[in-house]
C-alpha atoms as a PDB file:
ATOM      1  CA  MET A   1     -35.841  24.124  21.512  1.00  0.00           C
ATOM      2  CA  LYS A   2     -35.057  27.692  22.493  1.00  0.00           C
ATOM      3  CA  PRO A   3     -34.638  28.488  26.220  1.00  0.00           C
ATOM      4  CA  PHE A   4     -37.669  30.765  26.316  1.00  0.00           C
ATOM      5  CA  ARG A   5     -39.868  27.913  25.126  1.00  0.00           C
ATOM      6  CA  PHE A   6     -38.769  25.817  28.084  1.00  0.00           C
ATOM      7  CA  ALA A   7     -39.739  28.609  30.396  1.00  0.00           C
ATOM      8  CA  SER A   8     -43.242  28.130  29.184  1.00  0.00           C
ATOM      9  CA  LEU A   9     -43.246  24.927  31.137  1.00  0.00           C
ATOM     10  CA  ILE A  10     -43.382  27.273  34.015  1.00  0.00           C
ATOM     11  CA  ALA A  11     -46.767  27.986  32.602  1.00  0.00           C
ATOM     12  CA  LEU A  12     -48.464  25.629  34.919  1.00  0.00           C
ATOM     13  CA  THR A  13     -50.387  22.809  33.417  1.00  0.00           C
ATOM     14  CA  ALA A  14     -50.989  20.755  36.496  1.00  0.00           C
ATOM     15  CA  LEU A  15     -50.856  21.543  40.193  1.00  0.00           C
ATOM     16  CA  LEU A  16     -50.692  18.849  42.841  1.00  0.00           C
ATOM     17  CA  PHE A  17     -50.899  20.138  46.387  1.00  0.00           C
ATOM     18  CA  ALA A  18     -52.144  19.266  49.837  1.00  0.00           C
ATOM     19  CA  CYS A  19     -54.632  21.712  51.314  1.00  0.00           C
ATOM     20  CA  SER A  20     -54.247  23.031  54.822  1.00  0.00           C
ATOM     21  CA  SER A  21     -57.391  21.079  55.762  1.00  0.00           C
ATOM     22  CA  GLY A  22     -55.364  17.883  55.415  1.00  0.00           C
ATOM     23  CA  GLY A  23     -56.986  16.686  52.178  1.00  0.00           C
ATOM     24  CA  THR A  24     -55.316  16.328  48.826  1.00  0.00           C
ATOM     25  CA  THR A  25     -56.490  18.303  45.815  1.00  0.00           C
ATOM     26  CA  THR A  26     -55.232  17.995  42.262  1.00  0.00           C
ATOM     27  CA  LEU A  27     -55.519  20.889  39.828  1.00  0.00           C
ATOM     28  CA  HIS A  28     -54.765  20.551  36.122  1.00  0.00           C
ATOM     29  CA  VAL A  29     -54.486  23.622  33.918  1.00  0.00           C
ATOM     30  CA  VAL A  30     -52.833  24.400  30.584  1.00  0.00           C
ATOM     31  CA  GLU A  31     -50.538  27.379  30.081  1.00  0.00           C
ATOM     32  CA  HIS A  32     -50.276  29.078  26.690  1.00  0.00           C
ATOM     33  CA  ALA A  33     -46.693  30.353  26.672  1.00  0.00           C
ATOM     34  CA  ASN A  34     -47.076  33.325  24.354  1.00  0.00           C
ATOM     35  CA  THR A  35     -45.222  36.121  26.182  1.00  0.00           C
ATOM     36  CA  ASP A  36     -41.971  34.410  27.204  1.00  0.00           C
ATOM     37  CA  THR A  37     -39.083  36.838  26.850  1.00  0.00           C
ATOM     38  CA  VAL A  38     -35.414  36.110  27.503  1.00  0.00           C
ATOM     39  CA  VAL A  39     -33.187  39.039  28.502  1.00  0.00           C
ATOM     40  CA  ASP A  40     -29.553  38.344  27.604  1.00  0.00           C
ATOM     41  CA  ILE A  41     -27.593  39.402  30.708  1.00  0.00           C
ATOM     42  CA  GLY A  42     -24.158  37.773  30.444  1.00  0.00           C
ATOM     43  CA  PRO A  43     -22.131  36.872  27.384  1.00  0.00           C
ATOM     44  CA  GLN A  44     -24.098  37.033  24.133  1.00  0.00           C
ATOM     45  CA  GLY A  45     -26.390  34.034  23.645  1.00  0.00           C
ATOM     46  CA  ASP A  46     -27.606  31.442  26.101  1.00  0.00           C
ATOM     47  CA  SER A  47     -25.485  31.983  29.223  1.00  0.00           C
ATOM     48  CA  LEU A  48     -25.586  31.897  33.027  1.00  0.00           C
ATOM     49  CA  GLY A  49     -27.585  34.742  34.506  1.00  0.00           C
ATOM     50  CA  ASP A  50     -29.943  35.286  31.562  1.00  0.00           C
ATOM     51  CA  VAL A  51     -33.479  36.119  32.707  1.00  0.00           C
ATOM     52  CA  LEU A  52     -36.713  34.659  31.381  1.00  0.00           C
ATOM     53  CA  ALA A  53     -39.850  36.693  32.155  1.00  0.00           C
ATOM     54  CA  PHE A  54     -43.463  35.770  31.348  1.00  0.00           C
ATOM     55  CA  ALA A  55     -47.140  36.538  31.969  1.00  0.00           C
ATOM     56  CA  ASN A  56     -49.347  34.002  30.169  1.00  0.00           C
ATOM     57  CA  PRO A  57     -52.991  32.924  30.030  1.00  0.00           C
ATOM     58  CA  VAL A  58     -53.967  29.660  31.751  1.00  0.00           C
ATOM     59  CA  PHE A  59     -56.788  27.406  30.485  1.00  0.00           C
ATOM     60  CA  ASP A  60     -58.843  24.565  31.970  1.00  0.00           C
ATOM     61  CA  GLU A  61     -57.533  20.999  31.674  1.00  0.00           C
ATOM     62  CA  ASN A  62     -59.454  20.559  28.384  1.00  0.00           C
ATOM     63  CA  ASN A  63     -57.607  23.600  27.003  1.00  0.00           C
ATOM     64  CA  GLN A  64     -60.939  25.231  26.105  1.00  0.00           C
ATOM     65  CA  LYS A  65     -61.738  28.007  28.585  1.00  0.00           C
ATOM     66  CA  GLU A  66     -59.362  30.627  29.970  1.00  0.00           C
ATOM     67  CA  VAL A  67     -59.450  30.322  33.769  1.00  0.00           C
ATOM     68  CA  GLY A  68     -56.608  32.574  34.896  1.00  0.00           C
ATOM     69  CA  SER A  69     -53.040  33.646  34.294  1.00  0.00           C
ATOM     70  CA  ASP A  70     -49.496  33.109  35.477  1.00  0.00           C
ATOM     71  CA  ASN A  71     -46.503  35.387  35.720  1.00  0.00           C
ATOM     72  CA  GLY A  72     -42.969  35.004  36.884  1.00  0.00           C
ATOM     73  CA  GLN A  73     -39.308  34.827  36.090  1.00  0.00           C
ATOM     74  CA  CYS A  74     -36.447  32.374  35.772  1.00  0.00           C
ATOM     75  CA  ILE A  75     -32.670  32.736  35.979  1.00  0.00           C
ATOM     76  CA  ARG A  76     -30.451  30.581  33.748  1.00  0.00           C
ATOM     77  CA  THR A  77     -28.336  28.430  36.086  1.00  0.00           C
ATOM     78  CA  ALA A  78     -27.000  25.665  33.809  1.00  0.00           C
ATOM     79  CA  VAL A  79     -26.235  25.903  30.079  1.00  0.00           C
ATOM     80  CA  PRO A  80     -27.701  23.806  28.664  1.00  0.00           C
ATOM     81  CA  GLY A  81     -29.907  22.270  31.242  1.00  0.00           C
ATOM     82  CA  ALA A  82     -31.900  24.364  33.656  1.00  0.00           C
ATOM     83  CA  TRP A  83     -33.423  27.596  34.868  1.00  0.00           C
ATOM     84  CA  GLU A  84     -34.332  28.381  38.488  1.00  0.00           C
ATOM     85  CA  CYS A  85     -37.838  29.862  38.536  1.00  0.00           C
ATOM     86  CA  PHE A  86     -40.523  31.363  40.703  1.00  0.00           C
ATOM     87  CA  TRP A  87     -43.987  32.481  39.669  1.00  0.00           C
ATOM     88  CA  THR A  88     -47.609  32.979  40.630  1.00  0.00           C
ATOM     89  CA  ILE A  89     -50.674  31.297  39.150  1.00  0.00           C
ATOM     90  CA  THR A  90     -53.810  33.390  39.543  1.00  0.00           C
ATOM     91  CA  LEU A  91     -57.223  31.732  39.327  1.00  0.00           C
ATOM     92  CA  ALA A  92     -60.715  33.062  40.165  1.00  0.00           C
ATOM     93  CA  ASP A  93     -60.620  31.732  43.728  1.00  0.00           C
ATOM     94  CA  GLY A  94     -57.034  32.580  44.684  1.00  0.00           C
ATOM     95  CA  GLN A  95     -53.356  32.369  43.835  1.00  0.00           C
ATOM     96  CA  LEU A  96     -50.649  29.708  44.077  1.00  0.00           C
ATOM     97  CA  THR A  97     -46.927  30.379  44.205  1.00  0.00           C
ATOM     98  CA  VAL A  98     -44.274  27.921  43.001  1.00  0.00           C
ATOM     99  CA  GLU A  99     -40.489  27.779  42.978  1.00  0.00           C
ATOM    100  CA  GLY A 100     -37.938  25.389  41.522  1.00  0.00           C
ATOM    101  CA  PRO A 101     -36.079  24.203  38.437  1.00  0.00           C
ATOM    102  CA  PHE A 102     -37.306  24.359  34.860  1.00  0.00           C
ATOM    103  CA  TYR A 103     -35.451  21.798  32.752  1.00  0.00           C
ATOM    104  CA  ASP A 104     -34.671  22.242  29.062  1.00  0.00           C
ATOM    105  CA  THR A 105     -35.429  18.691  27.956  1.00  0.00           C
ATOM    106  CA  LYS A 106     -37.521  16.960  30.594  1.00  0.00           C
ATOM    107  CA  ASP A 107     -40.505  17.459  32.886  1.00  0.00           C
ATOM    108  CA  SER A 108     -39.982  19.670  35.898  1.00  0.00           C
ATOM    109  CA  VAL A 109     -41.294  19.334  39.452  1.00  0.00           C
ATOM    110  CA  LEU A 110     -41.465  22.550  41.474  1.00  0.00           C
ATOM    111  CA  ALA A 111     -42.413  23.225  45.086  1.00  0.00           C
ATOM    112  CA  ILE A 112     -45.742  24.871  45.848  1.00  0.00           C
ATOM    113  CA  THR A 113     -44.665  27.485  48.373  1.00  0.00           C
ATOM    114  CA  GLY A 114     -48.029  28.958  49.323  1.00  0.00           C
ATOM    115  CA  GLY A 115     -51.345  30.364  48.253  1.00  0.00           C
ATOM    116  CA  THR A 116     -54.157  32.822  48.862  1.00  0.00           C
ATOM    117  CA  GLY A 117     -57.938  32.531  48.965  1.00  0.00           C
ATOM    118  CA  ALA A 118     -59.073  28.950  48.348  1.00  0.00           C
ATOM    119  CA  TYR A 119     -55.387  27.951  48.203  1.00  0.00           C
ATOM    120  CA  SER A 120     -54.364  29.489  51.523  1.00  0.00           C
ATOM    121  CA  GLY A 121     -51.939  27.138  53.214  1.00  0.00           C
ATOM    122  CA  ALA A 122     -51.283  25.200  50.000  1.00  0.00           C
ATOM    123  CA  ARG A 123     -48.159  23.088  49.880  1.00  0.00           C
ATOM    124  CA  GLY A 124     -46.907  20.201  47.800  1.00  0.00           C
ATOM    125  CA  GLN A 125     -45.563  20.027  44.291  1.00  0.00           C
ATOM    126  CA  MET A 126     -46.352  21.051  40.743  1.00  0.00           C
ATOM    127  CA  LYS A 127     -45.416  19.032  37.678  1.00  0.00           C
ATOM    128  CA  LEU A 128     -44.725  20.964  34.480  1.00  0.00           C
ATOM    129  CA  HIS A 129     -44.954  19.042  31.191  1.00  0.00           C
ATOM    130  CA  ALA A 130     -44.533  20.369  27.628  1.00  0.00           C
ATOM    131  CA  ARG A 131     -47.575  19.516  25.498  1.00  0.00           C
ATOM    132  CA  ASN A 132     -45.673  20.057  22.235  1.00  0.00           C
ATOM    133  CA  ALA A 133     -42.108  20.242  20.888  1.00  0.00           C
ATOM    134  CA  GLN A 134     -42.425  23.983  20.269  1.00  0.00           C
ATOM    135  CA  GLY A 135     -42.918  24.711  23.965  1.00  0.00           C
ATOM    136  CA  THR A 136     -46.013  26.821  23.366  1.00  0.00           C
ATOM    137  CA  GLU A 137     -48.320  24.913  25.735  1.00  0.00           C
ATOM    138  CA  TYR A 138     -47.642  23.259  29.085  1.00  0.00           C
ATOM    139  CA  ASP A 139     -49.613  20.995  31.385  1.00  0.00           C
ATOM    140  CA  ILE A 140     -49.463  22.167  34.976  1.00  0.00           C
ATOM    141  CA  ILE A 141     -50.523  19.487  37.468  1.00  0.00           C
END
C-alpha cells in the first residue's frame, strides 16, 4: 500500500473518549480518504520528513450519510513503518482533535487531545482501522 493510503487511517472511523462529565461515550464514523496528498520533502520517494496532508468527508458508522469532515497532516518518521499525525474531526455538534502514530500495516491508536462544543473536555483514545486494502476508507472509533 502507498503511504498516502495509510494516512487515510487518520480519517477517523471510530472515536473512543471519556467526556468531561465523567461518562464514557463511543463514536464510530467512517472516513473516505479521497484527498490524501504526500509532499516529497527529503530524498526522492518515501523518506523521513515527507508530509501527508488531507481533508476528507466523514460518514456515519453505517457509511451511508455524510456527518462531517476531517483535516490534518502527518510527518513520515519511520520508513517503512509510521507517520506522526495530528488532525481535527469536525461534526455538527463540535470538533475533536487527535494526535499520534499512523502505522503502515496495522491499526493505530491515537490520543484524543481535546474538543469543542459537545466534545469540550474530551480525552481518551481513537482507534483507526483500514476498511479495505486500498486504504480508501477507515473506521474511526
